[in-house]
């Protein structure tokens, strides 16, 4: 991508959401920086450290869960951050996962992401 084509933070968040719902691991990973860090907000644990780690975590999940879907409940954009409230289905039959994702975007890529989740009935 050239400088003129850089995604806005909102475009970063939307593109990764669209790729997630399509279970397109290559397109999904392309929105993240090479040195992406994904962090569990509740524990501070880094669960993805680098794009390869992201591919290793999400690739199998996409393959194993054909009904995986993330519904955007609400979005707040405060550049360079995007805050998405989400409901995720298709991981466990008959249940959903309520979560908030915070994406930090720089130079058209997601550089850090924090997730906090709560199991919903």
PDB file of N, CA and C in Angstrom:
ATOM      1  N   UNK A   1       0.834  -1.175   0.000  1.00  0.00           N
ATOM      2  CA  UNK A   1       0.000   0.000   0.000  1.00  0.00           C
ATOM      3  C   UNK A   1       0.885   1.247   0.000  1.00  0.00           C
ATOM      4  N   UNK A   2       0.566   2.190  -0.818  1.00  0.00           N
ATOM      5  CA  UNK A   2       1.335   3.432  -0.833  1.00  0.00           C
ATOM      6  C   UNK A   2       0.806   4.369   0.244  1.00  0.00           C
ATOM      7  N   UNK A   3       1.552   5.420   0.505  1.00  0.00           N
ATOM      8  CA  UNK A   3       1.149   6.392   1.521  1.00  0.00           C
ATOM      9  C   UNK A   3      -0.231   6.955   1.221  1.00  0.00           C
ATOM     10  N   UNK A   4      -0.534   7.180  -0.047  1.00  0.00           N
ATOM     11  CA  UNK A   4      -1.826   7.746  -0.422  1.00  0.00           C
ATOM     12  C   UNK A   4      -2.973   6.766  -0.180  1.00  0.00           C
ATOM     13  N   UNK A   5      -2.669   5.488  -0.045  1.00  0.00           N
ATOM     14  CA  UNK A   5      -3.704   4.470   0.106  1.00  0.00           C
ATOM     15  C   UNK A   5      -3.822   3.952   1.533  1.00  0.00           C
ATOM     16  N   UNK A   6      -3.188   4.593   2.493  1.00  0.00           N
ATOM     17  CA  UNK A   6      -3.241   4.109   3.866  1.00  0.00           C
ATOM     18  C   UNK A   6      -4.675   4.081   4.374  1.00  0.00           C
ATOM     19  N   UNK A   7      -5.001   3.004   5.073  1.00  0.00           N
ATOM     20  CA  UNK A   7      -6.323   2.887   5.678  1.00  0.00           C
ATOM     21  C   UNK A   7      -6.432   3.841   6.870  1.00  0.00           C
ATOM     22  N   UNK A   8      -7.621   4.352   7.084  1.00  0.00           N
ATOM     23  CA  UNK A   8      -7.902   5.084   8.314  1.00  0.00           C
ATOM     24  C   UNK A   8      -8.056   4.055   9.436  1.00  0.00           C
ATOM     25  N   UNK A   9      -8.002   4.472  10.698  1.00  0.00           N
ATOM     26  CA  UNK A   9      -8.246   3.515  11.774  1.00  0.00           C
ATOM     27  C   UNK A   9      -9.591   2.794  11.629  1.00  0.00           C
ATOM     28  N   UNK A  10     -10.632   3.527  11.258  1.00  0.00           N
ATOM     29  CA  UNK A  10     -11.937   2.877  11.085  1.00  0.00           C
ATOM     30  C   UNK A  10     -11.906   1.861   9.945  1.00  0.00           C
ATOM     31  N   UNK A  11     -11.225   2.178   8.864  1.00  0.00           N
ATOM     32  CA  UNK A  11     -11.098   1.230   7.757  1.00  0.00           C
ATOM     33  C   UNK A  11     -10.323  -0.013   8.188  1.00  0.00           C
ATOM     34  N   UNK A  12      -9.287   0.164   9.006  1.00  0.00           N
ATOM     35  CA  UNK A  12      -8.540  -0.988   9.535  1.00  0.00           C
ATOM     36  C   UNK A  12      -9.474  -1.920  10.300  1.00  0.00           C
ATOM     37  N   UNK A  13     -10.237  -1.343  11.223  1.00  0.00           N
ATOM     38  CA  UNK A  13     -11.141  -2.146  12.044  1.00  0.00           C
ATOM     39  C   UNK A  13     -12.187  -2.847  11.189  1.00  0.00           C
ATOM     40  N   UNK A  14     -12.756  -2.135  10.225  1.00  0.00           N
ATOM     41  CA  UNK A  14     -13.798  -2.726   9.390  1.00  0.00           C
ATOM     42  C   UNK A  14     -13.238  -3.809   8.478  1.00  0.00           C
ATOM     43  N   UNK A  15     -12.075  -3.561   7.898  1.00  0.00           N
ATOM     44  CA  UNK A  15     -11.496  -4.559   6.994  1.00  0.00           C
ATOM     45  C   UNK A  15     -11.145  -5.845   7.727  1.00  0.00           C
ATOM     46  N   UNK A  16     -10.596  -5.726   8.936  1.00  0.00           N
ATOM     47  CA  UNK A  16     -10.283  -6.956   9.667  1.00  0.00           C
ATOM     48  C   UNK A  16     -11.562  -7.666  10.089  1.00  0.00           C
ATOM     49  N   UNK A  17     -12.618  -6.922  10.420  1.00  0.00           N
ATOM     50  CA  UNK A  17     -13.899  -7.539  10.768  1.00  0.00           C
ATOM     51  C   UNK A  17     -14.487  -8.273   9.564  1.00  0.00           C
ATOM     52  N   UNK A  18     -14.461  -7.649   8.405  1.00  0.00           N
ATOM     53  CA  UNK A  18     -14.978  -8.295   7.192  1.00  0.00           C
ATOM     54  C   UNK A  18     -14.193  -9.563   6.871  1.00  0.00           C
ATOM     55  N   UNK A  19     -12.872  -9.503   6.999  1.00  0.00           N
ATOM     56  CA  UNK A  19     -12.035 -10.676   6.719  1.00  0.00           C
ATOM     57  C   UNK A  19     -12.271 -11.768   7.761  1.00  0.00           C
ATOM     58  N   UNK A  20     -12.458 -11.384   9.020  1.00  0.00           N
ATOM     59  CA  UNK A  20     -12.763 -12.332  10.095  1.00  0.00           C
ATOM     60  C   UNK A  20     -14.049 -13.083   9.758  1.00  0.00           C
ATOM     61  N   UNK A  21     -15.085 -12.342   9.381  1.00  0.00           N
ATOM     62  CA  UNK A  21     -16.367 -12.973   9.074  1.00  0.00           C
ATOM     63  C   UNK A  21     -16.310 -13.831   7.819  1.00  0.00           C
ATOM     64  N   UNK A  22     -15.417 -13.519   6.900  1.00  0.00           N
ATOM     65  CA  UNK A  22     -15.211 -14.344   5.702  1.00  0.00           C
ATOM     66  C   UNK A  22     -14.259 -15.504   5.997  1.00  0.00           C
ATOM     67  N   UNK A  23     -13.672 -15.493   7.198  1.00  0.00           N
ATOM     68  CA  UNK A  23     -12.662 -16.475   7.593  1.00  0.00           C
ATOM     69  C   UNK A  23     -11.525 -16.530   6.567  1.00  0.00           C
ATOM     70  N   UNK A  24     -11.127 -15.366   6.112  1.00  0.00           N
ATOM     71  CA  UNK A  24     -10.043 -15.214   5.129  1.00  0.00           C
ATOM     72  C   UNK A  24      -8.779 -14.810   5.892  1.00  0.00           C
ATOM     73  N   UNK A  25      -7.988 -15.804   6.270  1.00  0.00           N
ATOM     74  CA  UNK A  25      -6.853 -15.567   7.156  1.00  0.00           C
ATOM     75  C   UNK A  25      -5.810 -14.644   6.533  1.00  0.00           C
ATOM     76  N   UNK A  26      -5.563 -14.752   5.251  1.00  0.00           N
ATOM     77  CA  UNK A  26      -4.545 -13.906   4.619  1.00  0.00           C
ATOM     78  C   UNK A  26      -4.987 -12.444   4.597  1.00  0.00           C
ATOM     79  N   UNK A  27      -6.228 -12.210   4.225  1.00  0.00           N
ATOM     80  CA  UNK A  27      -6.745 -10.837   4.217  1.00  0.00           C
ATOM     81  C   UNK A  27      -6.809 -10.278   5.635  1.00  0.00           C
ATOM     82  N   UNK A  28      -7.234 -11.110   6.576  1.00  0.00           N
ATOM     83  CA  UNK A  28      -7.300 -10.722   7.985  1.00  0.00           C
ATOM     84  C   UNK A  28      -5.920 -10.286   8.480  1.00  0.00           C
ATOM     85  N   UNK A  29      -4.917 -11.114   8.253  1.00  0.00           N
ATOM     86  CA  UNK A  29      -3.565 -10.824   8.739  1.00  0.00           C
ATOM     87  C   UNK A  29      -2.953  -9.611   8.046  1.00  0.00           C
ATOM     88  N   UNK A  30      -3.380  -9.339   6.813  1.00  0.00           N
ATOM     89  CA  UNK A  30      -2.786  -8.228   6.056  1.00  0.00           C
ATOM     90  C   UNK A  30      -3.121  -6.858   6.645  1.00  0.00           C
ATOM     91  N   UNK A  31      -4.114  -6.800   7.515  1.00  0.00           N
ATOM     92  CA  UNK A  31      -4.509  -5.534   8.130  1.00  0.00           C
ATOM     93  C   UNK A  31      -3.658  -5.244   9.376  1.00  0.00           C
ATOM     94  N   UNK A  32      -2.911  -6.249   9.829  1.00  0.00           N
ATOM     95  CA  UNK A  32      -2.105  -6.129  11.042  1.00  0.00           C
ATOM     96  C   UNK A  32      -0.638  -5.897  10.702  1.00  0.00           C
ATOM     97  N   UNK A  33       0.043  -5.125  11.538  1.00  0.00           N
ATOM     98  CA  UNK A  33       1.471  -4.861  11.372  1.00  0.00           C
ATOM     99  C   UNK A  33       2.276  -6.140  11.611  1.00  0.00           C
ATOM    100  N   UNK A  34       3.472  -6.194  11.040  1.00  0.00           N
ATOM    101  CA  UNK A  34       4.350  -7.354  11.241  1.00  0.00           C
ATOM    102  C   UNK A  34       4.609  -7.613  12.719  1.00  0.00           C
ATOM    103  N   UNK A  35       4.688  -6.553  13.516  1.00  0.00           N
ATOM    104  CA  UNK A  35       4.995  -6.695  14.943  1.00  0.00           C
ATOM    105  C   UNK A  35       3.752  -6.511  15.828  1.00  0.00           C
ATOM    106  N   UNK A  36       2.592  -6.897  15.306  1.00  0.00           N
ATOM    107  CA  UNK A  36       1.336  -6.786  16.042  1.00  0.00           C
ATOM    108  C   UNK A  36       1.442  -7.449  17.412  1.00  0.00           C
ATOM    109  N   UNK A  37       0.826  -6.823  18.386  1.00  0.00           N
ATOM    110  CA  UNK A  37       0.661  -7.433  19.694  1.00  0.00           C
ATOM    111  C   UNK A  37      -0.825  -7.440  20.015  1.00  0.00           C
ATOM    112  N   UNK A  38      -1.351  -8.628  20.334  1.00  0.00           N
ATOM    113  CA  UNK A  38      -2.728  -8.783  20.788  1.00  0.00           C
ATOM    114  C   UNK A  38      -2.663  -9.105  22.276  1.00  0.00           C
ATOM    115  N   UNK A  39      -3.421  -8.349  23.054  1.00  0.00           N
ATOM    116  CA  UNK A  39      -3.288  -8.387  24.503  1.00  0.00           C
ATOM    117  C   UNK A  39      -4.643  -8.644  25.150  1.00  0.00           C
ATOM    118  N   UNK A  40      -4.669  -9.580  26.112  1.00  0.00           N
ATOM    119  CA  UNK A  40      -5.854  -9.799  26.934  1.00  0.00           C
ATOM    120  C   UNK A  40      -5.887  -8.664  27.954  1.00  0.00           C
ATOM    121  N   UNK A  41      -6.866  -7.791  27.835  1.00  0.00           N
ATOM    122  CA  UNK A  41      -6.917  -6.600  28.677  1.00  0.00           C
ATOM    123  C   UNK A  41      -7.068  -6.951  30.156  1.00  0.00           C
ATOM    124  N   UNK A  42      -7.788  -8.018  30.471  1.00  0.00           N
ATOM    125  CA  UNK A  42      -8.030  -8.381  31.868  1.00  0.00           C
ATOM    126  C   UNK A  42      -6.765  -8.856  32.575  1.00  0.00           C
ATOM    127  N   UNK A  43      -5.885  -9.540  31.840  1.00  0.00           N
ATOM    128  CA  UNK A  43      -4.696 -10.125  32.468  1.00  0.00           C
ATOM    129  C   UNK A  43      -3.395  -9.449  32.053  1.00  0.00           C
ATOM    130  N   UNK A  44      -3.437  -8.697  30.960  1.00  0.00           N
ATOM    131  CA  UNK A  44      -2.216  -8.105  30.425  1.00  0.00           C
ATOM    132  C   UNK A  44      -1.384  -9.074  29.610  1.00  0.00           C
ATOM    133  N   UNK A  45      -1.883 -10.286  29.414  1.00  0.00           N
ATOM    134  CA  UNK A  45      -1.157 -11.317  28.682  1.00  0.00           C
ATOM    135  C   UNK A  45      -1.144 -11.014  27.189  1.00  0.00           C
ATOM    136  N   UNK A  46       0.034 -11.064  26.590  1.00  0.00           N
ATOM    137  CA  UNK A  46       0.156 -10.937  25.138  1.00  0.00           C
ATOM    138  C   UNK A  46      -0.081 -12.325  24.553  1.00  0.00           C
ATOM    139  N   UNK A  47      -1.147 -12.486  23.772  1.00  0.00           N
ATOM    140  CA  UNK A  47      -1.449 -13.806  23.216  1.00  0.00           C
ATOM    141  C   UNK A  47      -1.092 -13.925  21.742  1.00  0.00           C
ATOM    142  N   UNK A  48      -0.775 -12.844  21.096  1.00  0.00           N
ATOM    143  CA  UNK A  48      -0.194 -12.868  19.750  1.00  0.00           C
ATOM    144  C   UNK A  48       0.925 -11.837  19.744  1.00  0.00           C
ATOM    145  N   UNK A  49       2.094 -12.260  19.320  1.00  0.00           N
ATOM    146  CA  UNK A  49       3.242 -11.368  19.270  1.00  0.00           C
ATOM    147  C   UNK A  49       3.876 -11.512  17.895  1.00  0.00           C
ATOM    148  N   UNK A  50       3.437 -10.697  16.958  1.00  0.00           N
ATOM    149  CA  UNK A  50       3.905 -10.780  15.580  1.00  0.00           C
ATOM    150  C   UNK A  50       2.848 -11.387  14.674  1.00  0.00           C
ATOM    151  N   UNK A  51       2.954 -11.065  13.393  1.00  0.00           N
ATOM    152  CA  UNK A  51       1.955 -11.523  12.422  1.00  0.00           C
ATOM    153  C   UNK A  51       1.908 -13.049  12.330  1.00  0.00           C
ATOM    154  N   UNK A  52       3.066 -13.728  12.403  1.00  0.00           N
ATOM    155  CA  UNK A  52       3.055 -15.192  12.316  1.00  0.00           C
ATOM    156  C   UNK A  52       2.272 -15.793  13.478  1.00  0.00           C
ATOM    157  N   UNK A  53       2.421 -15.223  14.660  1.00  0.00           N
ATOM    158  CA  UNK A  53       1.668 -15.674  15.823  1.00  0.00           C
ATOM    159  C   UNK A  53       0.165 -15.486  15.603  1.00  0.00           C
ATOM    160  N   UNK A  54      -0.202 -14.379  14.976  1.00  0.00           N
ATOM    161  CA  UNK A  54      -1.600 -14.111  14.639  1.00  0.00           C
ATOM    162  C   UNK A  54      -2.124 -15.174  13.668  1.00  0.00           C
ATOM    163  N   UNK A  55      -1.341 -15.478  12.645  1.00  0.00           N
ATOM    164  CA  UNK A  55      -1.720 -16.513  11.676  1.00  0.00           C
ATOM    165  C   UNK A  55      -1.876 -17.866  12.363  1.00  0.00           C
ATOM    166  N   UNK A  56      -0.948 -18.194  13.258  1.00  0.00           N
ATOM    167  CA  UNK A  56      -0.983 -19.482  13.961  1.00  0.00           C
ATOM    168  C   UNK A  56      -2.193 -19.603  14.874  1.00  0.00           C
ATOM    169  N   UNK A  57      -2.645 -18.507  15.429  1.00  0.00           N
ATOM    170  CA  UNK A  57      -3.799 -18.541  16.337  1.00  0.00           C
ATOM    171  C   UNK A  57      -5.128 -18.524  15.581  1.00  0.00           C
ATOM    172  N   UNK A  58      -5.260 -17.601  14.640  1.00  0.00           N
ATOM    173  CA  UNK A  58      -6.551 -17.415  13.976  1.00  0.00           C
ATOM    174  C   UNK A  58      -6.768 -18.354  12.793  1.00  0.00           C
ATOM    175  N   UNK A  59      -5.711 -18.779  12.116  1.00  0.00           N
ATOM    176  CA  UNK A  59      -5.862 -19.693  10.976  1.00  0.00           C
ATOM    177  C   UNK A  59      -6.624 -20.954  11.340  1.00  0.00           C
ATOM    178  N   UNK A  60      -6.175 -21.701  12.364  1.00  0.00           N
ATOM    179  CA  UNK A  60      -6.907 -22.902  12.766  1.00  0.00           C
ATOM    180  C   UNK A  60      -8.324 -22.602  13.252  1.00  0.00           C
ATOM    181  N   UNK A  61      -8.502 -21.484  13.947  1.00  0.00           N
ATOM    182  CA  UNK A  61      -9.841 -21.129  14.425  1.00  0.00           C
ATOM    183  C   UNK A  61     -10.786 -20.906  13.247  1.00  0.00           C
ATOM    184  N   UNK A  62     -10.319 -20.211  12.222  1.00  0.00           N
ATOM    185  CA  UNK A  62     -11.148 -19.989  11.037  1.00  0.00           C
ATOM    186  C   UNK A  62     -11.490 -21.320  10.366  1.00  0.00           C
ATOM    187  N   UNK A  63     -10.514 -22.218  10.283  1.00  0.00           N
ATOM    188  CA  UNK A  63     -10.717 -23.509   9.621  1.00  0.00           C
ATOM    189  C   UNK A  63     -11.662 -24.414  10.412  1.00  0.00           C
ATOM    190  N   UNK A  64     -11.570 -24.366  11.733  1.00  0.00           N
ATOM    191  CA  UNK A  64     -12.335 -25.281  12.585  1.00  0.00           C
ATOM    192  C   UNK A  64     -13.756 -24.808  12.888  1.00  0.00           C
ATOM    193  N   UNK A  65     -14.055 -23.549  12.616  1.00  0.00           N
ATOM    194  CA  UNK A  65     -15.368 -22.997  12.975  1.00  0.00           C
ATOM    195  C   UNK A  65     -16.013 -22.322  11.763  1.00  0.00           C
ATOM    196  N   UNK A  66     -16.641 -23.118  10.880  1.00  0.00           N
ATOM    197  CA  UNK A  66     -17.212 -22.554   9.650  1.00  0.00           C
ATOM    198  C   UNK A  66     -18.369 -21.580   9.887  1.00  0.00           C
ATOM    199  N   UNK A  67     -18.982 -21.617  11.065  1.00  0.00           N
ATOM    200  CA  UNK A  67     -20.088 -20.703  11.366  1.00  0.00           C
ATOM    201  C   UNK A  67     -19.636 -19.479  12.166  1.00  0.00           C
ATOM    202  N   UNK A  68     -18.341 -19.305  12.316  1.00  0.00           N
ATOM    203  CA  UNK A  68     -17.804 -18.183  13.076  1.00  0.00           C
ATOM    204  C   UNK A  68     -18.297 -16.860  12.495  1.00  0.00           C
ATOM    205  N   UNK A  69     -18.823 -16.008  13.368  1.00  0.00           N
ATOM    206  CA  UNK A  69     -19.316 -14.704  12.912  1.00  0.00           C
ATOM    207  C   UNK A  69     -19.218 -13.699  14.052  1.00  0.00           C
ATOM    208  N   UNK A  70     -18.753 -12.521  13.723  1.00  0.00           N
ATOM    209  CA  UNK A  70     -18.657 -11.430  14.685  1.00  0.00           C
ATOM    210  C   UNK A  70     -19.615 -10.325  14.257  1.00  0.00           C
ATOM    211  N   UNK A  71     -20.571 -10.016  15.135  1.00  0.00           N
ATOM    212  CA  UNK A  71     -21.531  -8.944  14.869  1.00  0.00           C
ATOM    213  C   UNK A  71     -21.083  -7.699  15.620  1.00  0.00           C
ATOM    214  N   UNK A  72     -20.924  -6.625  14.885  1.00  0.00           N
ATOM    215  CA  UNK A  72     -20.548  -5.353  15.489  1.00  0.00           C
ATOM    216  C   UNK A  72     -21.769  -4.757  16.182  1.00  0.00           C
ATOM    217  N   UNK A  73     -21.669  -4.544  17.489  1.00  0.00           N
ATOM    218  CA  UNK A  73     -22.755  -3.956  18.268  1.00  0.00           C
ATOM    219  C   UNK A  73     -22.638  -2.437  18.241  1.00  0.00           C
ATOM    220  N   UNK A  74     -21.434  -1.948  18.473  1.00  0.00           N
ATOM    221  CA  UNK A  74     -21.194  -0.505  18.431  1.00  0.00           C
ATOM    222  C   UNK A  74     -19.717  -0.246  18.164  1.00  0.00           C
ATOM    223  N   UNK A  75     -19.438   0.952  17.666  1.00  0.00           N
ATOM    224  CA  UNK A  75     -18.055   1.333  17.352  1.00  0.00           C
ATOM    225  C   UNK A  75     -17.848   2.787  17.750  1.00  0.00           C
ATOM    226  N   UNK A  76     -16.730   3.041  18.399  1.00  0.00           N
ATOM    227  CA  UNK A  76     -16.297   4.395  18.719  1.00  0.00           C
ATOM    228  C   UNK A  76     -14.928   4.581  18.085  1.00  0.00           C
ATOM    229  N   UNK A  77     -14.778   5.659  17.323  1.00  0.00           N
ATOM    230  CA  UNK A  77     -13.507   5.959  16.660  1.00  0.00           C
ATOM    231  C   UNK A  77     -12.922   7.210  17.294  1.00  0.00           C
ATOM    232  N   UNK A  78     -11.718   7.073  17.819  1.00  0.00           N
ATOM    233  CA  UNK A  78     -10.981   8.185  18.418  1.00  0.00           C
ATOM    234  C   UNK A  78      -9.524   8.001  17.996  1.00  0.00           C
ATOM    235  N   UNK A  79      -9.200   8.390  16.744  1.00  0.00           N
ATOM    236  CA  UNK A  79      -7.887   8.093  16.165  1.00  0.00           C
ATOM    237  C   UNK A  79      -6.727   8.410  17.120  1.00  0.00           C
ATOM    238  N   UNK A  80      -5.772   7.484  17.180  1.00  0.00           N
ATOM    239  CA  UNK A  80      -5.585   6.326  16.319  1.00  0.00           C
ATOM    240  C   UNK A  80      -6.288   5.068  16.819  1.00  0.00           C
ATOM    241  N   UNK A  81      -7.236   5.207  17.756  1.00  0.00           N
ATOM    242  CA  UNK A  81      -7.895   4.044  18.349  1.00  0.00           C
ATOM    243  C   UNK A  81      -9.307   3.850  17.804  1.00  0.00           C
ATOM    244  N   UNK A  82      -9.712   2.576  17.770  1.00  0.00           N
ATOM    245  CA  UNK A  82     -11.081   2.190  17.437  1.00  0.00           C
ATOM    246  C   UNK A  82     -11.522   1.205  18.515  1.00  0.00           C
ATOM    247  N   UNK A  83     -12.708   1.436  19.070  1.00  0.00           N
ATOM    248  CA  UNK A  83     -13.269   0.591  20.114  1.00  0.00           C
ATOM    249  C   UNK A  83     -14.503  -0.100  19.543  1.00  0.00           C
ATOM    250  N   UNK A  84     -14.458  -1.417  19.439  1.00  0.00           N
ATOM    251  CA  UNK A  84     -15.579  -2.185  18.896  1.00  0.00           C
ATOM    252  C   UNK A  84     -16.191  -3.058  19.978  1.00  0.00           C
ATOM    253  N   UNK A  85     -17.499  -2.920  20.174  1.00  0.00           N
ATOM    254  CA  UNK A  85     -18.252  -3.854  21.004  1.00  0.00           C
ATOM    255  C   UNK A  85     -18.798  -4.908  20.056  1.00  0.00           C
ATOM    256  N   UNK A  86     -18.594  -6.181  20.406  1.00  0.00           N
ATOM    257  CA  UNK A  86     -18.890  -7.266  19.467  1.00  0.00           C
ATOM    258  C   UNK A  86     -19.605  -8.422  20.162  1.00  0.00           C
ATOM    259  N   UNK A  87     -20.399  -9.142  19.384  1.00  0.00           N
ATOM    260  CA  UNK A  87     -20.953 -10.433  19.781  1.00  0.00           C
ATOM    261  C   UNK A  87     -20.445 -11.460  18.786  1.00  0.00           C
ATOM    262  N   UNK A  88     -19.773 -12.492  19.296  1.00  0.00           N
ATOM    263  CA  UNK A  88     -19.179 -13.524  18.445  1.00  0.00           C
ATOM    264  C   UNK A  88     -19.954 -14.821  18.632  1.00  0.00           C
ATOM    265  N   UNK A  89     -20.367 -15.426  17.524  1.00  0.00           N
ATOM    266  CA  UNK A  89     -21.048 -16.717  17.544  1.00  0.00           C
ATOM    267  C   UNK A  89     -20.278 -17.693  16.666  1.00  0.00           C
ATOM    268  N   UNK A  90     -20.594 -18.978  16.841  1.00  0.00           N
ATOM    269  CA  UNK A  90     -20.013 -20.005  15.990  1.00  0.00           C
ATOM    270  C   UNK A  90     -18.798 -20.696  16.573  1.00  0.00           C
ATOM    271  N   UNK A  91     -18.393 -20.311  17.781  1.00  0.00           N
ATOM    272  CA  UNK A  91     -17.264 -20.999  18.419  1.00  0.00           C
ATOM    273  C   UNK A  91     -17.783 -22.185  19.223  1.00  0.00           C
ATOM    274  N   UNK A  92     -18.810 -21.936  20.040  1.00  0.00           N
ATOM    275  CA  UNK A  92     -19.455 -23.004  20.809  1.00  0.00           C
ATOM    276  C   UNK A  92     -20.924 -23.036  20.432  1.00  0.00           C
ATOM    277  N   UNK A  93     -21.447 -24.197  20.086  1.00  0.00           N
ATOM    278  CA  UNK A  93     -22.849 -24.286  19.677  1.00  0.00           C
ATOM    279  C   UNK A  93     -23.787 -23.711  20.743  1.00  0.00           C
ATOM    280  N   UNK A  94     -24.712 -22.881  20.292  1.00  0.00           N
ATOM    281  CA  UNK A  94     -25.739 -22.349  21.172  1.00  0.00           C
ATOM    282  C   UNK A  94     -25.294 -21.239  22.104  1.00  0.00           C
ATOM    283  N   UNK A  95     -24.085 -20.729  21.927  1.00  0.00           N
ATOM    284  CA  UNK A  95     -23.654 -19.654  22.816  1.00  0.00           C
ATOM    285  C   UNK A  95     -22.952 -18.558  22.026  1.00  0.00           C
ATOM    286  N   UNK A  96     -22.866 -17.409  22.655  1.00  0.00           N
ATOM    287  CA  UNK A  96     -22.163 -16.292  22.035  1.00  0.00           C
ATOM    288  C   UNK A  96     -21.164 -15.730  23.028  1.00  0.00           C
ATOM    289  N   UNK A  97     -20.267 -14.961  22.508  1.00  0.00           N
ATOM    290  CA  UNK A  97     -19.231 -14.331  23.313  1.00  0.00           C
ATOM    291  C   UNK A  97     -19.371 -12.829  23.138  1.00  0.00           C
ATOM    292  N   UNK A  98     -19.532 -12.121  24.240  1.00  0.00           N
ATOM    293  CA  UNK A  98     -19.625 -10.659  24.203  1.00  0.00           C
ATOM    294  C   UNK A  98     -18.233 -10.122  24.496  1.00  0.00           C
ATOM    295  N   UNK A  99     -17.746  -9.203  23.663  1.00  0.00           N
ATOM    296  CA  UNK A  99     -16.374  -8.718  23.805  1.00  0.00           C
ATOM    297  C   UNK A  99     -16.267  -7.259  23.397  1.00  0.00           C
ATOM    298  N   UNK A 100     -15.194  -6.642  23.862  1.00  0.00           N
ATOM    299  CA  UNK A 100     -14.811  -5.315  23.399  1.00  0.00           C
ATOM    300  C   UNK A 100     -13.379  -5.424  22.900  1.00  0.00           C
ATOM    301  N   UNK A 101     -13.169  -4.943  21.696  1.00  0.00           N
ATOM    302  CA  UNK A 101     -11.838  -4.931  21.094  1.00  0.00           C
ATOM    303  C   UNK A 101     -11.414  -3.482  20.907  1.00  0.00           C
ATOM    304  N   UNK A 102     -10.178  -3.201  21.249  1.00  0.00           N
ATOM    305  CA  UNK A 102      -9.602  -1.877  21.031  1.00  0.00           C
ATOM    306  C   UNK A 102      -8.429  -2.045  20.085  1.00  0.00           C
ATOM    307  N   UNK A 103      -8.475  -1.334  18.976  1.00  0.00           N
ATOM    308  CA  UNK A 103      -7.423  -1.419  17.959  1.00  0.00           C
ATOM    309  C   UNK A 103      -6.663  -0.104  17.909  1.00  0.00           C
ATOM    310  N   UNK A 104      -5.346  -0.187  17.943  1.00  0.00           N
ATOM    311  CA  UNK A 104      -4.500   0.984  17.722  1.00  0.00           C
ATOM    312  C   UNK A 104      -3.944   0.870  16.312  1.00  0.00           C
ATOM    313  N   UNK A 105      -4.182   1.880  15.504  1.00  0.00           N
ATOM    314  CA  UNK A 105      -3.804   1.828  14.092  1.00  0.00           C
ATOM    315  C   UNK A 105      -2.789   2.921  13.778  1.00  0.00           C
ATOM    316  N   UNK A 106      -1.722   2.515  13.106  1.00  0.00           N
ATOM    317  CA  UNK A 106      -0.692   3.462  12.664  1.00  0.00           C
ATOM    318  C   UNK A 106      -0.266   3.080  11.261  1.00  0.00           C
ATOM    319  N   UNK A 107      -0.082   4.077  10.422  1.00  0.00           N
ATOM    320  CA  UNK A 107       0.379   3.848   9.045  1.00  0.00           C
ATOM    321  C   UNK A 107      -0.485   2.835   8.303  1.00  0.00           C
ATOM    322  N   UNK A 108      -1.792   2.863   8.541  1.00  0.00           N
ATOM    323  CA  UNK A 108      -2.720   2.018   7.811  1.00  0.00           C
ATOM    324  C   UNK A 108      -2.784   0.575   8.262  1.00  0.00           C
ATOM    325  N   UNK A 109      -2.193   0.266   9.434  1.00  0.00           N
ATOM    326  CA  UNK A 109      -2.203  -1.105   9.952  1.00  0.00           C
ATOM    327  C   UNK A 109      -2.540  -1.101  11.439  1.00  0.00           C
ATOM    328  N   UNK A 110      -3.092  -2.212  11.908  1.00  0.00           N
ATOM    329  CA  UNK A 110      -3.341  -2.375  13.332  1.00  0.00           C
ATOM    330  C   UNK A 110      -2.021  -2.788  13.977  1.00  0.00           C
ATOM    331  N   UNK A 111      -1.557  -1.988  14.929  1.00  0.00           N
ATOM    332  CA  UNK A 111      -0.265  -2.257  15.565  1.00  0.00           C
ATOM    333  C   UNK A 111      -0.410  -2.934  16.923  1.00  0.00           C
ATOM    334  N   UNK A 112      -1.497  -2.632  17.619  1.00  0.00           N
ATOM    335  CA  UNK A 112      -1.789  -3.298  18.886  1.00  0.00           C
ATOM    336  C   UNK A 112      -3.295  -3.453  19.010  1.00  0.00           C
ATOM    337  N   UNK A 113      -3.694  -4.533  19.673  1.00  0.00           N
ATOM    338  CA  UNK A 113      -5.119  -4.786  19.890  1.00  0.00           C
ATOM    339  C   UNK A 113      -5.302  -5.351  21.293  1.00  0.00           C
ATOM    340  N   UNK A 114      -6.287  -4.822  21.988  1.00  0.00           N
ATOM    341  CA  UNK A 114      -6.615  -5.287  23.329  1.00  0.00           C
ATOM    342  C   UNK A 114      -8.025  -5.872  23.279  1.00  0.00           C
ATOM    343  N   UNK A 115      -8.213  -6.975  23.991  1.00  0.00           N
ATOM    344  CA  UNK A 115      -9.511  -7.642  23.994  1.00  0.00           C
ATOM    345  C   UNK A 115      -9.933  -7.932  25.429  1.00  0.00           C
ATOM    346  N   UNK A 116     -11.192  -7.673  25.706  1.00  0.00           N
ATOM    347  CA  UNK A 116     -11.795  -8.083  26.966  1.00  0.00           C
ATOM    348  C   UNK A 116     -13.117  -8.734  26.599  1.00  0.00           C
ATOM    349  N   UNK A 117     -13.396  -9.858  27.237  1.00  0.00           N
ATOM    350  CA  UNK A 117     -14.605 -10.581  26.833  1.00  0.00           C
ATOM    351  C   UNK A 117     -15.361 -11.093  28.046  1.00  0.00           C
ATOM    352  N   UNK A 118     -16.616 -11.379  27.762  1.00  0.00           N
ATOM    353  CA  UNK A 118     -17.510 -11.906  28.778  1.00  0.00           C
ATOM    354  C   UNK A 118     -18.384 -12.936  28.078  1.00  0.00           C
ATOM    355  N   UNK A 119     -18.471 -14.120  28.648  1.00  0.00           N
ATOM    356  CA  UNK A 119     -19.344 -15.130  28.051  1.00  0.00           C
ATOM    357  C   UNK A 119     -20.790 -14.717  28.225  1.00  0.00           C
ATOM    358  N   UNK A 120     -21.540 -14.836  27.139  1.00  0.00           N
ATOM    359  CA  UNK A 120     -22.971 -14.514  27.168  1.00  0.00           C
ATOM    360  C   UNK A 120     -23.758 -15.773  26.869  1.00  0.00           C
ATOM    361  N   UNK A 121     -24.952 -15.842  27.379  1.00  0.00           N
ATOM    362  CA  UNK A 121     -25.797 -17.025  27.167  1.00  0.00           C
ATOM    363  C   UNK A 121     -26.255 -17.116  25.738  1.00  0.00           C
TER     364      UNK A 121
END
